[in-house]
Protein backbone atom coordinates (compact mmCIF):
# COMPACT_ATOMS: atom_id res chain seq x y z
CA MET A 1 0.00 0.00 0.00
CA SER A 2 1.46 3.34 -1.02
CA LEU A 3 1.05 6.60 0.82
CA ASN A 4 -1.07 9.46 -0.49
CA LEU A 5 0.80 12.74 -0.64
CA LEU A 6 -1.11 15.99 -1.09
CA ILE A 7 0.60 19.13 -2.36
CA CYS A 8 -1.58 22.10 -1.45
CA ASP A 9 -0.46 25.38 -3.01
CA ASP A 10 -2.23 27.96 -5.16
CA SER A 11 0.78 28.30 -7.47
CA GLY A 12 0.97 25.74 -10.26
CA PHE A 13 4.71 26.38 -10.52
CA ALA A 14 5.20 25.75 -6.78
CA ARG A 15 3.16 22.52 -6.94
CA LYS A 16 5.32 21.22 -9.79
CA GLN A 17 8.52 22.30 -8.05
CA MET A 18 7.50 20.55 -4.82
CA ALA A 19 6.61 17.36 -6.69
CA LYS A 20 10.01 17.42 -8.42
CA SER A 21 11.78 17.94 -5.09
CA LEU A 22 10.49 14.64 -3.69
CA PRO A 23 12.92 11.74 -3.62
CA PRO A 24 12.61 10.09 -7.05
CA ASP A 25 12.66 6.59 -5.57
CA TRP A 26 9.79 7.29 -3.14
CA LYS A 27 6.63 5.41 -4.00
CA VAL A 28 3.72 7.77 -3.24
CA ASP A 29 0.51 8.69 -4.99
CA ILE A 30 0.65 12.45 -5.50
CA HIS A 31 -2.49 14.58 -5.38
CA PHE A 32 -2.81 18.35 -5.79
CA ALA A 33 -5.02 21.06 -4.29
CA THR A 34 -5.07 24.73 -5.32
CA ASP A 35 -6.34 26.16 -2.03
CA GLY A 36 -7.16 25.20 1.52
CA VAL A 37 -10.77 24.24 0.79
CA GLU A 38 -9.68 21.74 -1.88
CA GLY A 39 -6.94 20.58 0.47
CA ILE A 40 -9.31 19.81 3.34
CA ASN A 41 -11.69 17.99 0.98
CA ALA A 42 -8.79 15.89 -0.36
CA ILE A 43 -7.64 15.03 3.17
CA ARG A 44 -11.18 14.01 4.12
CA GLU A 45 -11.20 11.76 1.01
CA GLY A 46 -8.02 10.02 2.18
CA LYS A 47 -5.69 11.73 -0.30
CA GLY A 48 -3.48 13.40 2.30
CA ASP A 49 -1.61 10.96 4.51
CA ILE A 50 1.22 13.44 4.09
CA VAL A 51 0.56 17.07 3.18
CA LEU A 52 2.97 19.66 1.84
CA LEU A 53 1.08 22.83 2.70
CA ASP A 54 1.55 26.44 1.63
CA LEU A 55 0.39 29.15 4.03
CA THR A 56 -0.76 31.91 1.69
CA MET A 57 -3.66 30.73 -0.49
CA PRO A 58 -7.10 32.04 -1.49
CA ASN A 59 -10.37 30.77 0.03
CA MET A 60 -8.63 29.17 3.03
CA ASP A 61 -5.01 29.67 4.03
CA GLY A 62 -2.66 27.08 5.49
CA PHE A 63 -3.40 28.17 9.05
CA GLY A 64 -7.09 27.45 8.46
CA VAL A 65 -6.24 24.03 7.06
CA LEU A 66 -4.15 23.20 10.12
CA GLU A 67 -6.94 24.38 12.44
CA ILE A 68 -9.49 22.11 10.73
CA ILE A 69 -7.11 19.13 10.71
CA ARG A 70 -6.64 19.59 14.45
CA ARG A 71 -10.33 20.24 15.24
CA GLU A 72 -11.56 17.24 13.20
CA ASP A 73 -8.58 15.05 14.16
CA LEU A 74 -7.94 14.28 10.49
CA PRO A 75 -5.18 11.74 9.77
CA ALA A 76 -2.63 13.96 8.04
CA MET A 77 1.07 14.55 8.67
CA VAL A 78 1.65 18.15 7.60
CA ILE A 79 4.86 19.80 6.52
CA VAL A 80 4.45 23.50 5.84
CA VAL A 81 6.36 24.77 2.80
CA SER A 82 6.22 28.54 2.65
CA GLY A 83 8.10 31.69 1.80
CA ASP A 84 6.71 33.27 4.99
CA ILE A 85 9.72 32.86 7.24
CA GLN A 86 8.56 35.11 10.06
CA PRO A 87 9.27 33.50 13.44
CA GLU A 88 5.63 34.05 14.47
CA ALA A 89 4.35 32.10 11.46
CA ARG A 90 6.80 29.26 12.09
CA LYS A 91 5.78 29.03 15.76
CA ARG A 92 2.08 29.18 14.95
CA VAL A 93 2.16 26.33 12.41
CA LEU A 94 4.14 24.13 14.78
CA ASP A 95 1.70 24.96 17.59
CA LEU A 96 -1.16 23.95 15.25
CA GLY A 97 0.41 20.53 14.73
CA ALA A 98 2.62 20.78 11.66
CA LEU A 99 5.60 18.44 11.83
CA ALA A 100 8.02 20.86 10.24
CA PHE A 101 8.42 24.14 8.40
CA ILE A 102 10.47 24.25 5.18
CA GLU A 103 11.28 27.46 3.36
CA LYS A 104 10.46 27.82 -0.32
CA PRO A 105 11.92 26.94 -2.67
CA ILE A 106 12.22 23.40 -1.34
CA ASP A 107 15.06 21.22 -2.60
CA THR A 108 15.38 17.43 -2.79
CA ASP A 109 18.00 17.15 -0.04
CA LYS A 110 15.93 19.22 2.40
CA ALA A 111 12.75 17.28 1.58
CA ARG A 112 14.56 13.95 2.08
CA GLN A 113 16.07 15.15 5.37
CA VAL A 114 12.72 16.23 6.85
CA LEU A 115 10.85 13.15 5.60
CA THR A 116 13.53 10.87 7.06
CA GLU A 117 13.71 12.80 10.34
CA TYR A 118 10.01 12.20 10.99
CA GLY A 119 10.06 8.55 9.92
CA ILE A 120 7.95 9.20 6.85
CA LEU A 121 10.64 8.18 4.37
CA THR A 122 12.05 4.79 5.30
CA GLY A 123 13.62 1.89 3.47
CA ILE A 124 14.80 3.91 0.49
């Protein structure tokens, strides 16, 4: 059984860049969402075992997504990937349950490091 990975970002370029930054030998089913509302719906449908989540999006931002995941106890391991590097934003997402915060643009080595650190990427 493979994992479902959801990339939730309003930028098509950023979604593609994040997908390309994943370890090439990692067997996951990749899904995409263009805003937080689509992201929450995908998680509820089981398409977000792991979520790479942007913070700044229309309709619902990443903070809203994290709040709903926490409130509904949705089964999603969230890694925030954002250009918003303010210490307050970083602290808030971690307080809301995100596993980690990675600055954009994400690179393959950083993605592999974080995924391995949290036991998400094993046996590769």
